Protein backbone atom coordinates (compact mmCIF):
# COMPACT_ATOMS: atom_id res chain seq x y z
CA MET A 1 -190.28 -68.46 -245.33
CA LYS A 2 -189.88 -65.61 -247.79
CA TYR A 3 -193.62 -65.50 -248.44
CA LYS A 4 -194.48 -65.02 -244.75
CA LYS A 5 -192.97 -61.54 -245.05
CA LEU A 6 -195.53 -60.78 -247.78
CA LEU A 7 -198.56 -61.64 -245.62
CA LEU A 8 -198.85 -58.40 -243.62
CA PRO A 9 -198.54 -56.04 -246.63
CA ALA A 10 -201.02 -58.18 -248.60
CA LEU A 11 -203.54 -58.11 -245.74
CA ALA A 12 -203.15 -54.35 -245.37
CA MET A 13 -203.70 -53.87 -249.11
CA GLY A 14 -206.79 -56.09 -248.98
CA ALA A 15 -208.21 -54.13 -246.06
CA VAL A 16 -207.82 -50.83 -247.93
CA VAL A 17 -209.48 -52.21 -251.06
CA ALA A 18 -212.33 -53.75 -249.04
CA MET A 19 -213.18 -50.51 -247.19
CA PRO A 20 -216.49 -48.97 -248.28
CA MET A 21 -216.01 -45.93 -250.49
CA PRO A 22 -217.31 -42.77 -248.83
CA ALA A 23 -219.90 -40.63 -250.52
CA LEU A 24 -217.95 -38.64 -253.06
CA ALA A 25 -218.35 -34.89 -253.03
CA ASP A 26 -218.53 -33.13 -256.37
CA ASP A 27 -215.14 -31.55 -255.76
CA LEU A 28 -213.34 -34.75 -254.66
CA PRO A 29 -210.07 -34.95 -256.63
CA HIS A 30 -209.48 -37.75 -259.14
CA ARG A 31 -213.00 -39.17 -259.24
CA GLU A 32 -212.76 -39.93 -262.98
CA PRO A 33 -210.33 -42.23 -264.82
CA GLY A 34 -207.11 -40.64 -266.02
CA PHE A 35 -203.35 -40.87 -266.44
CA PHE A 36 -200.73 -39.46 -264.10
CA ILE A 37 -196.97 -38.93 -264.18
CA GLY A 38 -194.48 -37.68 -261.63
CA GLY A 39 -191.26 -38.15 -259.75
CA GLY A 40 -189.14 -36.94 -256.91
CA ALA A 41 -186.33 -37.43 -254.45
CA ILE A 42 -185.82 -40.69 -252.58
CA TYR A 43 -183.82 -41.27 -249.38
CA THR A 44 -182.69 -44.88 -248.99
CA ARG A 45 -181.24 -46.96 -246.16
CA VAL A 46 -179.46 -49.91 -247.77
CA LYS A 47 -178.23 -53.11 -246.13
CA ASN A 48 -176.07 -55.37 -248.33
CA GLU A 49 -175.23 -58.97 -247.45
CA PHE A 50 -172.71 -60.76 -249.69
CA TYR A 51 -173.01 -64.51 -250.25
CA GLU A 52 -169.99 -66.77 -250.55
CA SER A 53 -169.78 -67.71 -254.24
CA ASP A 54 -167.35 -68.03 -257.14
CA ASP A 55 -167.58 -64.26 -257.58
CA PHE A 56 -167.13 -63.48 -253.87
CA PRO A 57 -165.28 -66.47 -252.39
CA ASN A 58 -164.09 -64.70 -249.23
CA GLN A 59 -167.56 -63.56 -248.17
CA PRO A 60 -166.68 -59.94 -247.27
CA ASP A 61 -168.36 -58.04 -244.48
CA ASP A 62 -171.94 -56.86 -244.83
CA PHE A 63 -172.40 -53.11 -244.95
CA ASP A 64 -175.09 -50.46 -244.64
CA ASP A 65 -175.31 -47.10 -246.35
CA ASP A 66 -177.73 -44.15 -246.59
CA HIS A 67 -178.04 -41.74 -249.49
CA VAL A 68 -180.39 -39.62 -251.62
CA SER A 69 -181.36 -40.51 -255.17
CA TRP A 70 -184.41 -40.15 -257.47
CA LYS A 71 -187.32 -41.93 -259.10
CA ALA A 72 -189.94 -41.35 -261.81
CA LEU A 73 -193.47 -42.74 -261.99
CA ALA A 74 -196.47 -43.05 -264.30
CA GLY A 75 -199.81 -44.76 -264.04
CA PHE A 76 -203.52 -44.93 -264.77
CA ARG A 77 -206.32 -44.22 -262.29
CA PHE A 78 -209.42 -46.39 -262.80
CA ASN A 79 -211.53 -44.69 -260.11
CA PRO A 80 -210.96 -42.81 -256.83
CA VAL A 81 -209.75 -46.03 -255.14
CA LEU A 82 -207.76 -48.14 -257.61
CA SER A 83 -204.79 -47.32 -259.86
CA ILE A 84 -201.96 -49.15 -261.56
CA GLU A 85 -198.51 -47.60 -261.41
CA GLY A 86 -195.04 -48.13 -262.85
CA GLN A 87 -191.82 -46.59 -261.52
CA TYR A 88 -188.18 -46.32 -262.44
CA VAL A 89 -186.13 -46.21 -259.21
CA ASP A 90 -182.44 -45.34 -259.07
CA PHE A 91 -181.23 -46.72 -255.75
CA GLY A 92 -177.82 -45.09 -256.28
CA ASP A 93 -174.49 -46.35 -254.92
CA ALA A 94 -173.99 -47.95 -251.52
CA GLU A 95 -170.38 -48.20 -250.39
CA ASN A 96 -167.94 -48.44 -247.52
CA ASN A 97 -164.17 -48.89 -247.27
CA SER A 98 -164.25 -52.46 -248.57
CA ALA A 99 -167.14 -52.78 -251.03
CA ARG A 100 -169.45 -50.92 -253.39
CA ALA A 101 -172.85 -51.82 -254.87
CA GLU A 102 -175.21 -49.94 -257.18
CA ALA A 103 -178.76 -50.89 -258.11
CA ASP A 104 -181.79 -49.70 -260.02
CA GLY A 105 -185.10 -51.16 -261.09
CA TRP A 106 -188.57 -50.90 -262.58
CA THR A 107 -191.77 -51.56 -260.65
CA ALA A 108 -195.32 -52.53 -261.56
CA ALA A 109 -197.89 -52.18 -258.77
CA LEU A 110 -201.53 -51.93 -257.81
CA VAL A 111 -202.32 -48.82 -255.73
CA ALA A 112 -205.36 -48.52 -253.42
CA ASP A 113 -206.40 -45.08 -252.11
CA ILE A 114 -208.75 -44.03 -249.33
CA PRO A 115 -210.44 -41.18 -251.25
CA LEU A 116 -210.74 -38.42 -248.68
CA ARG A 117 -211.07 -34.77 -249.67
CA TYR A 118 -207.88 -33.18 -248.37
CA VAL A 119 -205.54 -36.10 -247.62
CA GLN A 120 -205.58 -39.44 -249.43
CA PRO A 121 -203.74 -42.31 -247.69
CA TYR A 122 -202.80 -45.21 -249.96
CA ALA A 123 -201.09 -48.58 -250.07
CA LYS A 124 -199.31 -50.26 -252.95
CA ALA A 125 -197.93 -53.70 -253.71
CA GLY A 126 -196.32 -55.23 -256.77
CA ALA A 127 -193.17 -56.48 -258.47
CA LEU A 128 -189.70 -54.95 -258.66
CA PHE A 129 -187.57 -55.86 -261.71
CA TRP A 130 -184.04 -54.99 -260.58
CA ASN A 131 -180.38 -55.02 -261.57
CA GLU A 132 -177.40 -54.71 -259.20
CA ASP A 133 -173.64 -54.50 -259.73
CA ALA A 134 -171.19 -55.03 -256.87
CA HIS A 135 -167.43 -55.22 -256.40
CA ILE A 136 -164.86 -55.45 -253.63
CA ARG A 137 -162.37 -52.59 -253.41
CA GLY A 138 -158.74 -53.42 -254.17
CA THR A 139 -159.65 -56.66 -255.98
CA ASN A 140 -160.97 -57.83 -259.33
CA LEU A 141 -164.00 -59.43 -257.65
CA LYS A 142 -167.14 -58.17 -259.42
CA ALA A 143 -170.64 -59.51 -259.86
CA SER A 144 -173.92 -58.54 -261.50
CA ASP A 145 -177.28 -59.77 -260.29
CA ASP A 146 -180.79 -59.22 -261.53
CA GLY A 147 -184.18 -60.57 -260.59
CA THR A 148 -187.83 -59.95 -259.81
CA ASP A 149 -189.05 -59.56 -256.22
CA PHE A 150 -192.13 -58.40 -254.35
CA PHE A 151 -192.24 -54.87 -252.92
CA TRP A 152 -194.80 -52.85 -251.00
CA GLY A 153 -195.36 -49.28 -249.85
CA LEU A 154 -197.55 -46.89 -247.89
CA GLY A 155 -198.09 -43.21 -248.51
CA VAL A 156 -200.25 -40.13 -248.42
CA ARG A 157 -201.29 -37.90 -251.30
CA VAL A 158 -202.11 -34.21 -250.71
CA PRO A 159 -203.75 -32.17 -253.51
CA LEU A 160 -201.82 -28.93 -254.09
CA GLY A 161 -203.96 -27.45 -256.80
CA GLU A 162 -205.55 -28.20 -260.13
CA GLY A 163 -204.12 -31.53 -261.28
CA VAL A 164 -201.08 -31.61 -258.94
CA ASP A 165 -200.51 -33.75 -255.84
CA LEU A 166 -197.71 -33.92 -253.31
CA ARG A 167 -196.90 -37.54 -252.40
CA ALA A 168 -194.95 -38.70 -249.35
CA GLU A 169 -194.33 -42.44 -249.22
CA TYR A 170 -192.38 -45.29 -247.69
CA GLU A 171 -191.44 -48.39 -249.70
CA ARG A 172 -189.71 -51.64 -248.78
CA TYR A 173 -187.60 -53.54 -251.33
CA ASP A 174 -185.72 -56.83 -251.02
CA LEU A 175 -183.30 -57.64 -253.88
CA ASP A 176 -182.59 -61.33 -253.39
CA GLY A 177 -179.75 -62.20 -255.80
CA ASP A 178 -177.24 -65.01 -256.23
CA ASN A 179 -174.30 -62.95 -254.91
CA VAL A 180 -175.84 -60.12 -252.89
CA ASP A 181 -179.01 -59.83 -250.78
CA THR A 182 -179.95 -56.15 -250.55
CA LYS A 183 -182.70 -54.78 -248.32
CA ILE A 184 -183.78 -51.20 -248.99
CA ASP A 185 -186.02 -48.93 -246.93
CA ALA A 186 -186.96 -45.93 -249.06
CA ALA A 187 -188.73 -42.68 -248.12
CA SER A 188 -189.59 -40.31 -250.93
CA LEU A 189 -191.21 -36.96 -251.62
CA ASN A 190 -192.79 -36.66 -255.09
CA LEU A 191 -194.94 -34.45 -257.28
CA GLN A 192 -197.74 -36.17 -259.24
CA PHE A 193 -199.37 -34.51 -262.27
CA ASN A 194 -202.88 -35.78 -263.09
CA PHE A 195 -204.65 -35.77 -266.45
CA GLY A 196 -208.36 -36.33 -266.92
CA GLY A 197 -211.01 -36.42 -264.24
């Protein structure tokens, strides 16, 4: 059942890649291969669900939390449509009166742009390599989980000037561990610095 959730993002990504590339104007940004780096602020809505296990035998209440954190990114642009991208994402701490969880991770993704002149919509899909630590307040119950899960995202890139883009994006992460299942909706605002092209 888990893979049914991947179908819609995969179809959307395929549709973007399959779209015919428009005639490229001489001044279209990023028409040549090149590297890029960047980063920014990320606002996350986190939903944690604890599983009953040896680490958490009493199955404490689920909890949600919202907070601001950060991420960094780097990648390589093959052409105006396709790039590969890696990120480090600090999801920060999610907590309530009874529990606390913190998570971070690395991503590897394929990014597909629609190469318009002033605004460039894009979609991304790939793997999240994550680590999460959780504990219940007032007890010695602690657990660490790690794993690799699919993630996807949508965004828009706006050129600000020579070699600099503003990126606004939404990403969806699902950290499916042995002790905690964490679903994260993340909205971020980033600066991207482009080299080459």
